[in-house]
């Protein structure tokens, strides 16, 4: 009886067969010779590529490649991919080029910009001479500006720590306002296309609106915007005399909504016309006015520029108050319609300083106003001529007779009559021209003007 140990001894005594290499071939391919271990002419790498497994040798285990997660599901872990490209890369690495010095961040940015410029279309590339021309133009413009106003002080530097003064954006803000004021200017000759209106009637309307503005205690910006809306609307549409007061009260209604925190109601405005119009008429006129103006109520009024000029004047209260009165003259005098708000602020400040003997128009005032003395003299001349005439707009004159407002209207007229007596008409000193009142409805206004 043989047990397991005897079976093992018998098998060990039997002669062993020659070992053969196991070959994995395709079932559709020609039968392979399993008695030879001759490899294809491509060498051992080629044998691995066609699926030939080499016998294991002691001390030299077969290296298996790692499988890529979720992509390699093959069981041929011993098969290596072709190494033709690897040999090429190895050959390249064998003779490495001299290594360049590490570049800084700025160098990388410059090289990226160079590559982008080279790959850009020819039409969009900037020629070096164009860049030089643009830089030279910028230098010339800056030089001209500095040459125009030399030796001015940077007064905005004092307000760097005040976030409300926005010193970082103040120049951009006023540049935008200078651009906007040109677009918001009305036609200075719009009265030529009006059949029933005249400049005198416009002055009467504005003088009445000054009285309404004071009774409602509205902001100064509201009054300037009101008159600007009236002039812009009349520049685009022909209005009858009966509807003139409706245009005025509707413009103030829109301006109050735009500027005030708590604007008066439409009922209050109707009451100021002595119920000459209904609330529905005012609301309908509001819709029509906004439609004609394309809902554009933007207007950089002179008060905005006066605040800028006052910085160079040291925020002198008396100078600023008189300048406000002089700017209000532009509301009733149609000859000042052609002057932009920035020029009105500069001219008002210049004339107020002359009245108070505050000195000349220095470099700071020229810089922060944007005007030289020669540029504002025509506007100043119109203001002086208005002050030399008899009082035509009583509400405007009374508004600045208050002591709180430095009695600016009285001081200004006295100064003009003393300095320019040749401009004062004979017998017109301290004379007051009584204008028809606009407190009654517009129908009564027609009768007053006709007289």
Protein backbone atom coordinates (compact mmCIF):
# COMPACT_ATOMS: atom_id res chain seq x y z
CA UNK A 1 0.00 0.00 0.00
CA UNK A 2 1.32 3.34 -1.03
CA UNK A 3 0.86 6.28 1.16
CA UNK A 4 1.33 9.97 0.29
CA UNK A 5 5.05 9.87 1.15
CA UNK A 6 5.73 6.89 -1.16
CA UNK A 7 3.92 8.61 -4.04
CA UNK A 8 6.16 11.60 -3.64
CA UNK A 9 9.33 9.42 -3.78
CA UNK A 10 8.14 7.64 -6.95
CA UNK A 11 7.41 10.87 -8.76
CA UNK A 12 10.80 12.22 -7.82
CA UNK A 13 12.47 9.10 -9.28
CA UNK A 14 10.72 9.37 -12.65
CA UNK A 15 12.59 11.25 -15.47
CA UNK A 16 11.43 14.76 -16.07
CA UNK A 17 10.28 16.11 -19.47
CA UNK A 18 11.98 19.04 -21.09
CA UNK A 19 10.34 22.28 -20.12
CA UNK A 20 8.69 24.31 -22.83
CA UNK A 21 7.71 27.90 -22.99
CA UNK A 22 4.01 28.58 -22.79
CA UNK A 23 2.84 30.82 -25.63
CA UNK A 24 -0.44 32.68 -25.71
CA UNK A 25 -1.60 33.09 -29.28
CA UNK A 26 -4.68 34.15 -31.10
CA UNK A 27 -7.07 31.30 -31.89
CA UNK A 28 -7.41 32.56 -35.47
CA UNK A 29 -3.66 32.78 -36.03
CA UNK A 30 -1.43 30.06 -37.55
CA UNK A 31 -0.27 27.35 -35.10
CA UNK A 32 2.90 28.33 -33.31
CA UNK A 33 5.91 26.16 -32.72
CA UNK A 34 5.90 25.47 -29.01
CA UNK A 35 9.20 23.56 -29.04
CA UNK A 36 11.33 26.59 -29.70
CA UNK A 37 11.97 29.65 -27.68
CA UNK A 38 13.08 31.78 -30.65
CA UNK A 39 11.76 35.28 -30.28
CA UNK A 40 10.68 37.60 -33.12
CA UNK A 41 13.36 39.76 -34.66
CA UNK A 42 12.10 42.76 -32.74
CA UNK A 43 13.75 41.42 -29.64
CA UNK A 44 12.53 40.94 -26.13
CA UNK A 45 10.54 44.14 -26.22
CA UNK A 46 8.69 42.86 -29.25
CA UNK A 47 7.99 39.55 -27.49
CA UNK A 48 6.36 41.42 -24.68
CA UNK A 49 4.35 43.43 -27.19
CA UNK A 50 2.91 40.29 -28.88
CA UNK A 51 2.06 38.63 -25.60
CA UNK A 52 4.99 36.20 -25.02
CA UNK A 53 5.64 35.51 -21.37
CA UNK A 54 9.29 34.85 -20.58
CA UNK A 55 10.15 32.23 -18.00
CA UNK A 56 10.82 33.39 -14.53
CA UNK A 57 14.43 33.42 -13.43
CA UNK A 58 15.36 33.13 -9.81
CA UNK A 59 16.54 36.39 -8.34
CA UNK A 60 15.19 38.41 -11.28
CA UNK A 61 11.41 38.84 -10.81
CA UNK A 62 9.29 40.09 -13.69
CA UNK A 63 8.37 43.73 -13.27
CA UNK A 64 4.68 44.39 -13.62
CA UNK A 65 3.22 47.77 -14.46
CA UNK A 66 0.64 49.51 -12.35
CA UNK A 67 -2.92 49.74 -13.60
CA UNK A 68 -4.55 53.09 -14.11
CA UNK A 69 -7.69 53.47 -12.01
CA UNK A 70 -10.98 52.99 -13.91
CA UNK A 71 -9.21 52.86 -17.31
CA UNK A 72 -6.95 49.81 -17.46
CA UNK A 73 -9.04 46.62 -17.02
CA UNK A 74 -6.64 44.27 -18.84
CA UNK A 75 -5.12 41.18 -17.21
CA UNK A 76 -1.87 41.58 -19.14
CA UNK A 77 -0.05 43.26 -16.30
CA UNK A 78 3.29 42.12 -17.60
CA UNK A 79 2.88 43.76 -20.99
CA UNK A 80 4.65 47.09 -21.32
CA UNK A 81 3.56 49.73 -23.82
CA UNK A 82 5.78 50.49 -26.83
CA UNK A 83 8.90 52.36 -25.83
CA UNK A 84 9.72 53.99 -29.15
CA UNK A 85 8.75 57.45 -27.98
CA UNK A 86 10.38 56.86 -24.63
CA UNK A 87 13.66 56.07 -26.36
CA UNK A 88 13.43 59.27 -28.32
CA UNK A 89 12.77 61.29 -25.21
CA UNK A 90 15.57 59.47 -23.42
CA UNK A 91 17.89 60.35 -26.24
CA UNK A 92 16.91 63.95 -25.96
CA UNK A 93 17.53 63.94 -22.25
CA UNK A 94 20.87 62.27 -22.78
CA UNK A 95 22.19 65.44 -24.38
CA UNK A 96 20.49 68.17 -22.43
CA UNK A 97 20.75 71.77 -23.52
CA UNK A 98 22.38 74.32 -21.21
CA UNK A 99 19.89 75.33 -18.61
CA UNK A 100 18.69 78.94 -18.68
CA UNK A 101 18.72 81.10 -15.60
CA UNK A 102 15.38 81.31 -13.74
CA UNK A 103 13.23 84.22 -14.86
CA UNK A 104 11.43 86.61 -12.59
CA UNK A 105 7.66 87.20 -12.61
CA UNK A 106 8.05 90.41 -14.61
CA UNK A 107 10.09 88.58 -17.27
CA UNK A 108 7.36 85.97 -17.59
CA UNK A 109 4.74 88.66 -18.00
CA UNK A 110 6.82 90.42 -20.63
CA UNK A 111 7.38 87.21 -22.59
CA UNK A 112 3.66 86.38 -22.44
CA UNK A 113 2.82 89.83 -23.73
CA UNK A 114 5.37 89.40 -26.54
CA UNK A 115 3.89 86.05 -27.57
CA UNK A 116 0.37 87.49 -27.51
CA UNK A 117 1.46 90.41 -29.65
CA UNK A 118 3.15 88.13 -32.18
CA UNK A 119 0.16 85.81 -32.46
CA UNK A 120 -2.38 88.65 -32.73
CA UNK A 121 -3.80 89.56 -36.15
CA UNK A 122 -1.82 92.08 -38.12
CA UNK A 123 -4.70 94.58 -38.05
CA UNK A 124 -4.78 94.58 -34.24
CA UNK A 125 -1.04 94.75 -33.60
CA UNK A 126 0.30 97.99 -32.22
CA UNK A 127 3.29 99.31 -34.01
CA UNK A 128 6.12 100.67 -31.84
CA UNK A 129 5.84 104.06 -33.46
CA UNK A 130 2.11 104.19 -32.53
CA UNK A 131 2.90 103.56 -28.87
CA UNK A 132 5.60 106.20 -28.92
CA UNK A 133 3.21 108.65 -30.56
CA UNK A 134 0.51 107.99 -27.95
CA UNK A 135 3.00 108.44 -25.12
CA UNK A 136 4.32 111.64 -26.64
CA UNK A 137 0.77 112.98 -27.07
CA UNK A 138 0.01 112.21 -23.43
CA UNK A 139 3.17 113.96 -22.33
CA UNK A 140 2.35 116.98 -24.48
CA UNK A 141 -1.20 117.17 -23.07
CA UNK A 142 0.10 116.91 -19.52
CA UNK A 143 2.76 119.50 -20.22
CA UNK A 144 0.21 121.87 -21.74
CA UNK A 145 -2.06 121.50 -18.71
CA UNK A 146 0.75 122.21 -16.30
CA UNK A 147 1.92 125.11 -18.39
CA UNK A 148 -1.59 126.55 -18.40
CA UNK A 149 -1.87 126.55 -14.60
CA UNK A 150 1.62 126.60 -13.06
CA UNK A 151 2.43 126.33 -9.37
CA UNK A 152 -0.96 125.29 -8.03
CA UNK A 153 -1.32 123.54 -4.69
CA UNK A 154 -2.75 120.06 -4.30
CA UNK A 155 -5.55 120.94 -1.89
CA UNK A 156 -7.12 117.49 -2.20
CA UNK A 157 -4.18 115.99 -0.31
CA UNK A 158 -5.57 117.51 2.88
CA UNK A 159 -8.69 115.33 2.59
CA UNK A 160 -7.01 111.98 1.93
CA UNK A 161 -8.13 110.60 5.29
CA UNK A 162 -11.73 111.76 4.81
CA UNK A 163 -13.68 109.04 2.94
CA UNK A 164 -16.54 111.46 2.24
CA UNK A 165 -14.29 113.63 0.05
CA UNK A 166 -13.37 110.69 -2.24
CA UNK A 167 -10.05 112.25 -3.19
CA UNK A 168 -9.17 109.21 -5.32
CA UNK A 169 -12.06 109.90 -7.69
CA UNK A 170 -12.60 113.65 -7.42
CA UNK A 171 -10.80 114.42 -10.68
CA UNK A 172 -12.75 111.76 -12.58
CA UNK A 173 -16.03 112.97 -11.09
CA UNK A 174 -15.55 116.55 -12.21
CA UNK A 175 -14.27 115.47 -15.62
CA UNK A 176 -17.52 113.57 -16.07
CA UNK A 177 -19.54 116.58 -14.92
CA UNK A 178 -17.74 118.82 -17.40
CA UNK A 179 -18.69 116.37 -20.13
CA UNK A 180 -22.27 116.17 -18.89
CA UNK A 181 -22.85 119.92 -18.64
CA UNK A 182 -22.38 120.36 -22.38
CA UNK A 183 -25.02 117.74 -23.11
CA UNK A 184 -27.48 119.32 -20.66
CA UNK A 185 -27.26 122.83 -22.08
CA UNK A 186 -30.51 124.10 -23.67
CA UNK A 187 -30.73 125.96 -26.93
CA UNK A 188 -29.93 129.61 -26.05
CA UNK A 189 -32.10 130.80 -28.97
CA UNK A 190 -35.12 128.56 -28.42
CA UNK A 191 -37.44 131.54 -28.00
CA UNK A 192 -37.22 132.14 -31.76
CA UNK A 193 -39.41 129.09 -32.35
CA UNK A 194 -42.02 130.03 -29.72
CA UNK A 195 -45.05 131.86 -31.12
CA UNK A 196 -46.70 133.15 -27.93
CA UNK A 197 -43.77 133.36 -25.51
CA UNK A 198 -40.99 135.86 -24.94
CA UNK A 199 -37.92 136.15 -22.76
CA UNK A 200 -39.75 138.55 -20.49
CA UNK A 201 -42.46 135.96 -19.83
CA UNK A 202 -39.81 133.38 -19.02
CA UNK A 203 -38.25 135.76 -16.48
CA UNK A 204 -41.64 136.31 -14.84
CA UNK A 205 -42.20 132.56 -14.60
CA UNK A 206 -38.79 131.88 -13.06
CA UNK A 207 -39.16 134.73 -10.57
CA UNK A 208 -42.48 133.23 -9.43
CA UNK A 209 -40.86 129.79 -9.14
CA UNK A 210 -38.18 131.32 -6.90
CA UNK A 211 -40.96 132.42 -4.55
CA UNK A 212 -42.55 128.93 -4.62
CA UNK A 213 -39.14 127.38 -4.04
CA UNK A 214 -38.64 129.51 -0.94
CA UNK A 215 -42.04 128.69 0.51
CA UNK A 216 -41.42 124.97 0.14
CA UNK A 217 -37.88 125.41 1.55
CA UNK A 218 -36.36 123.28 -1.17
CA UNK A 219 -32.69 122.80 -1.98
CA UNK A 220 -30.81 125.12 -4.27
CA UNK A 221 -30.12 122.21 -6.61
CA UNK A 222 -33.87 121.78 -7.07
CA UNK A 223 -34.29 125.33 -8.34
CA UNK A 224 -31.44 125.06 -10.85
CA UNK A 225 -32.74 121.73 -12.14
CA UNK A 226 -36.25 123.18 -12.44
CA UNK A 227 -35.13 126.00 -14.71
CA UNK A 228 -32.94 123.64 -16.72
CA UNK A 229 -35.90 121.31 -17.35
CA UNK A 230 -38.03 124.26 -18.47
CA UNK A 231 -35.41 125.49 -20.93
CA UNK A 232 -34.68 122.04 -22.32
CA UNK A 233 -38.37 121.31 -22.78
CA UNK A 234 -39.02 124.63 -24.49
CA UNK A 235 -36.03 123.94 -26.73
CA UNK A 236 -37.82 120.85 -28.04
CA UNK A 237 -41.51 121.79 -27.99
CA UNK A 238 -43.63 124.84 -28.79
CA UNK A 239 -45.77 125.85 -25.81
CA UNK A 240 -48.70 128.23 -25.61
CA UNK A 241 -48.82 130.99 -23.01
CA UNK A 242 -51.73 129.29 -21.24
CA UNK A 243 -49.58 126.19 -20.60
CA UNK A 244 -46.42 128.04 -19.57
CA UNK A 245 -47.17 127.97 -15.84
CA UNK A 246 -48.08 124.29 -16.11
CA UNK A 247 -44.67 123.59 -17.61
CA UNK A 248 -43.00 125.50 -14.78
CA UNK A 249 -44.85 123.82 -11.91
CA UNK A 250 -44.44 120.39 -13.49
CA UNK A 251 -40.70 120.94 -13.91
CA UNK A 252 -40.37 121.83 -10.23
CA UNK A 253 -42.46 118.78 -9.32
CA UNK A 254 -40.04 116.53 -11.25
CA UNK A 255 -36.95 118.32 -9.92
CA UNK A 256 -38.16 117.97 -6.32
CA UNK A 257 -38.62 114.24 -6.82
CA UNK A 258 -35.10 114.02 -8.19
CA UNK A 259 -33.27 116.14 -5.59
CA UNK A 260 -35.31 116.18 -2.38
CA UNK A 261 -35.60 113.51 0.29
CA UNK A 262 -39.25 114.38 1.00
CA UNK A 263 -40.62 116.29 -2.01
CA UNK A 264 -43.93 118.15 -1.79
CA UNK A 265 -46.97 116.30 -3.07
CA UNK A 266 -48.73 117.10 -6.31
CA UNK A 267 -51.60 118.52 -4.25
CA UNK A 268 -49.26 121.15 -2.78
CA UNK A 269 -48.04 122.21 -6.21
CA UNK A 270 -51.60 122.50 -7.49
CA UNK A 271 -52.42 124.67 -4.49
CA UNK A 272 -49.53 127.01 -5.35
CA UNK A 273 -51.14 127.65 -8.74
CA UNK A 274 -54.36 128.70 -6.97
CA UNK A 275 -55.99 125.56 -8.37
CA UNK A 276 -55.38 126.77 -11.90
CA UNK A 277 -54.71 123.15 -12.87
CA UNK A 278 -55.93 119.81 -11.59
CA UNK A 279 -53.75 117.05 -10.20
CA UNK A 280 -54.50 114.91 -13.26
CA UNK A 281 -53.26 117.67 -15.55
CA UNK A 282 -50.01 117.98 -13.61
CA UNK A 283 -49.43 114.22 -13.64
CA UNK A 284 -50.19 114.01 -17.34
CA UNK A 285 -47.83 116.93 -18.00
CA UNK A 286 -45.17 115.15 -15.95
CA UNK A 287 -45.39 112.04 -18.12
CA UNK A 288 -45.20 114.09 -21.29
CA UNK A 289 -42.25 116.19 -20.09
CA UNK A 290 -40.24 113.12 -19.09
CA UNK A 291 -41.00 111.47 -22.41
CA UNK A 292 -39.82 114.51 -24.37
CA UNK A 293 -36.61 114.69 -22.30
CA UNK A 294 -36.10 110.93 -22.68
CA UNK A 295 -36.20 110.62 -18.86
CA UNK A 296 -32.80 112.31 -18.66
CA UNK A 297 -32.80 114.59 -15.60
CA UNK A 298 -29.03 114.70 -15.14
CA UNK A 299 -27.75 118.24 -14.76
CA UNK A 300 -24.50 119.32 -13.06
CA UNK A 301 -25.74 122.60 -11.63
CA UNK A 302 -23.42 125.51 -10.77
CA UNK A 303 -23.55 124.74 -7.04
CA UNK A 304 -21.52 121.56 -7.63
CA UNK A 305 -18.76 123.52 -9.32
CA UNK A 306 -18.97 126.31 -6.73
CA UNK A 307 -18.08 123.83 -4.00
CA UNK A 308 -15.01 122.86 -5.98
CA UNK A 309 -13.91 126.45 -6.54
CA UNK A 310 -14.57 127.33 -2.88
CA UNK A 311 -11.84 124.88 -1.89
CA UNK A 312 -9.30 127.18 -3.56
CA UNK A 313 -10.97 130.20 -1.94
CA UNK A 314 -10.60 128.80 1.56
CA UNK A 315 -14.36 128.25 1.90
CA UNK A 316 -14.95 131.93 2.62
CA UNK A 317 -18.64 132.16 3.62
CA UNK A 318 -19.28 135.71 2.44
CA UNK A 319 -17.65 135.14 -0.94
CA UNK A 320 -19.60 131.96 -1.42
CA UNK A 321 -22.95 133.55 -0.49
CA UNK A 322 -22.51 136.47 -2.89
CA UNK A 323 -21.42 134.03 -5.59
CA UNK A 324 -24.69 132.13 -5.10
CA UNK A 325 -26.68 135.28 -5.70
CA UNK A 326 -24.68 136.04 -8.83
CA UNK A 327 -25.28 132.51 -10.11
CA UNK A 328 -29.01 132.87 -9.46
CA UNK A 329 -28.99 135.76 -11.91
CA UNK A 330 -28.48 133.16 -14.64
CA UNK A 331 -31.92 131.76 -13.77
CA UNK A 332 -33.77 134.91 -14.80
CA UNK A 333 -31.39 136.46 -17.35
CA UNK A 334 -31.68 134.54 -20.62
CA UNK A 335 -28.38 135.96 -21.91
CA UNK A 336 -26.53 133.60 -19.54
CA UNK A 337 -28.12 130.47 -21.03
CA UNK A 338 -25.10 129.95 -23.26
CA UNK A 339 -22.73 129.88 -20.26
CA UNK A 340 -22.10 126.37 -18.89
CA UNK A 341 -22.59 125.83 -15.14
CA UNK A 342 -18.86 125.56 -14.49
CA UNK A 343 -18.31 128.98 -16.04
CA UNK A 344 -21.16 130.48 -14.01
CA UNK A 345 -19.55 129.22 -10.80
CA UNK A 346 -16.15 130.60 -11.78
CA UNK A 347 -17.59 133.97 -12.86
CA UNK A 348 -19.67 134.27 -9.67
CA UNK A 349 -16.64 133.55 -7.50
CA UNK A 350 -14.46 135.97 -9.45
CA UNK A 351 -16.97 138.83 -9.22
CA UNK A 352 -17.69 138.16 -5.53
CA UNK A 353 -13.98 138.33 -4.72
CA UNK A 354 -13.75 141.61 -6.61
CA UNK A 355 -16.60 143.04 -4.54
CA UNK A 356 -14.93 141.99 -1.29
CA UNK A 357 -11.36 142.85 -2.34
CA UNK A 358 -10.20 139.29 -1.80
CA UNK A 359 -7.36 139.48 -4.31
CA UNK A 360 -6.76 138.36 -7.87
CA UNK A 361 -7.44 135.14 -9.75
CA UNK A 362 -4.47 133.09 -8.59
CA UNK A 363 -3.14 129.74 -9.81
CA UNK A 364 -5.25 127.67 -7.42
CA UNK A 365 -8.46 129.37 -8.52
CA UNK A 366 -7.53 128.91 -12.17
CA UNK A 367 -6.81 125.23 -11.65
CA UNK A 368 -9.83 124.28 -9.54
CA UNK A 369 -12.26 126.34 -11.61
CA UNK A 370 -10.80 125.31 -14.94
CA UNK A 371 -10.98 128.86 -16.34
CA UNK A 372 -8.59 131.72 -16.73
CA UNK A 373 -9.53 135.30 -16.00
CA UNK A 374 -9.85 136.09 -19.71
CA UNK A 375 -12.26 133.21 -20.31
CA UNK A 376 -14.78 134.27 -17.65
CA UNK A 377 -14.79 138.02 -18.27
CA UNK A 378 -17.67 137.92 -20.84
CA UNK A 379 -19.86 136.10 -18.31
CA UNK A 380 -18.84 138.54 -15.57
CA UNK A 381 -19.74 141.45 -17.83
CA UNK A 382 -23.30 140.13 -18.29
CA UNK A 383 -23.73 139.82 -14.52
CA UNK A 384 -22.54 143.38 -13.99
CA UNK A 385 -24.92 144.68 -16.65
CA UNK A 386 -27.85 142.94 -14.97
CA UNK A 387 -26.97 144.44 -11.59
CA UNK A 388 -26.72 147.91 -13.11
CA UNK A 389 -30.30 147.76 -14.38
CA UNK A 390 -33.39 148.45 -12.24
CA UNK A 391 -34.72 145.54 -10.23
CA UNK A 392 -36.84 143.46 -12.59
CA UNK A 393 -37.26 140.27 -10.55
CA UNK A 394 -38.44 141.21 -7.11
CA UNK A 395 -38.54 137.73 -5.59
CA UNK A 396 -34.90 137.09 -6.50
CA UNK A 397 -33.87 140.42 -5.00
CA UNK A 398 -35.85 139.89 -1.78
CA UNK A 399 -34.46 136.40 -1.33
CA UNK A 400 -30.94 137.77 -0.79
CA UNK A 401 -31.87 140.81 1.30
CA UNK A 402 -31.89 138.56 4.34
CA UNK A 403 -29.12 139.17 6.86
CA UNK A 404 -28.47 135.44 7.01
CA UNK A 405 -27.51 135.61 3.32
CA UNK A 406 -25.19 138.58 3.94
CA UNK A 407 -27.64 140.92 2.16
CA UNK A 408 -25.89 139.85 -1.01
CA UNK A 409 -28.34 141.48 -3.43
CA UNK A 410 -28.03 144.89 -1.77
CA UNK A 411 -24.23 144.69 -1.50
CA UNK A 412 -23.82 143.62 -5.13
CA UNK A 413 -26.02 146.39 -6.54
CA UNK A 414 -24.37 149.06 -4.43
CA UNK A 415 -20.92 147.93 -5.55
CA UNK A 416 -21.85 147.96 -9.25
CA UNK A 417 -23.44 151.39 -9.03
CA UNK A 418 -20.31 152.71 -7.31
CA UNK A 419 -17.79 151.06 -9.61
CA UNK A 420 -19.64 151.36 -12.92
CA UNK A 421 -21.87 154.44 -12.75
CA UNK A 422 -21.79 154.72 -16.53
CA UNK A 423 -23.78 151.48 -16.79
CA UNK A 424 -26.59 152.71 -14.54
CA UNK A 425 -29.43 154.33 -16.52
CA UNK A 426 -30.26 157.90 -15.54
CA UNK A 427 -32.98 158.04 -12.91
CA UNK A 428 -32.93 154.28 -12.50
CA UNK A 429 -30.95 154.13 -9.25
CA UNK A 430 -32.77 151.91 -6.72
CA UNK A 431 -35.73 151.73 -9.10
CA UNK A 432 -37.92 148.65 -9.09
CA UNK A 433 -39.78 147.41 -12.14
CA UNK A 434 -43.10 145.91 -11.06
CA UNK A 435 -43.61 142.65 -12.92
CA UNK A 436 -46.98 140.91 -13.23
CA UNK A 437 -47.54 138.32 -10.52
CA UNK A 438 -47.88 134.63 -11.25
CA UNK A 439 -49.81 133.84 -8.11
CA UNK A 440 -53.14 133.95 -9.99
CA UNK A 441 -53.88 131.27 -12.59
CA UNK A 442 -52.21 131.41 -15.98
CA UNK A 443 -55.32 132.89 -17.64
CA UNK A 444 -54.92 136.07 -15.58
CA UNK A 445 -51.24 136.15 -16.53
CA UNK A 446 -52.19 136.55 -20.19
CA UNK A 447 -54.20 139.67 -19.37
CA UNK A 448 -51.38 141.15 -17.24
CA UNK A 449 -48.76 140.64 -19.93
CA UNK A 450 -51.08 142.02 -22.59
CA UNK A 451 -51.33 145.24 -20.61
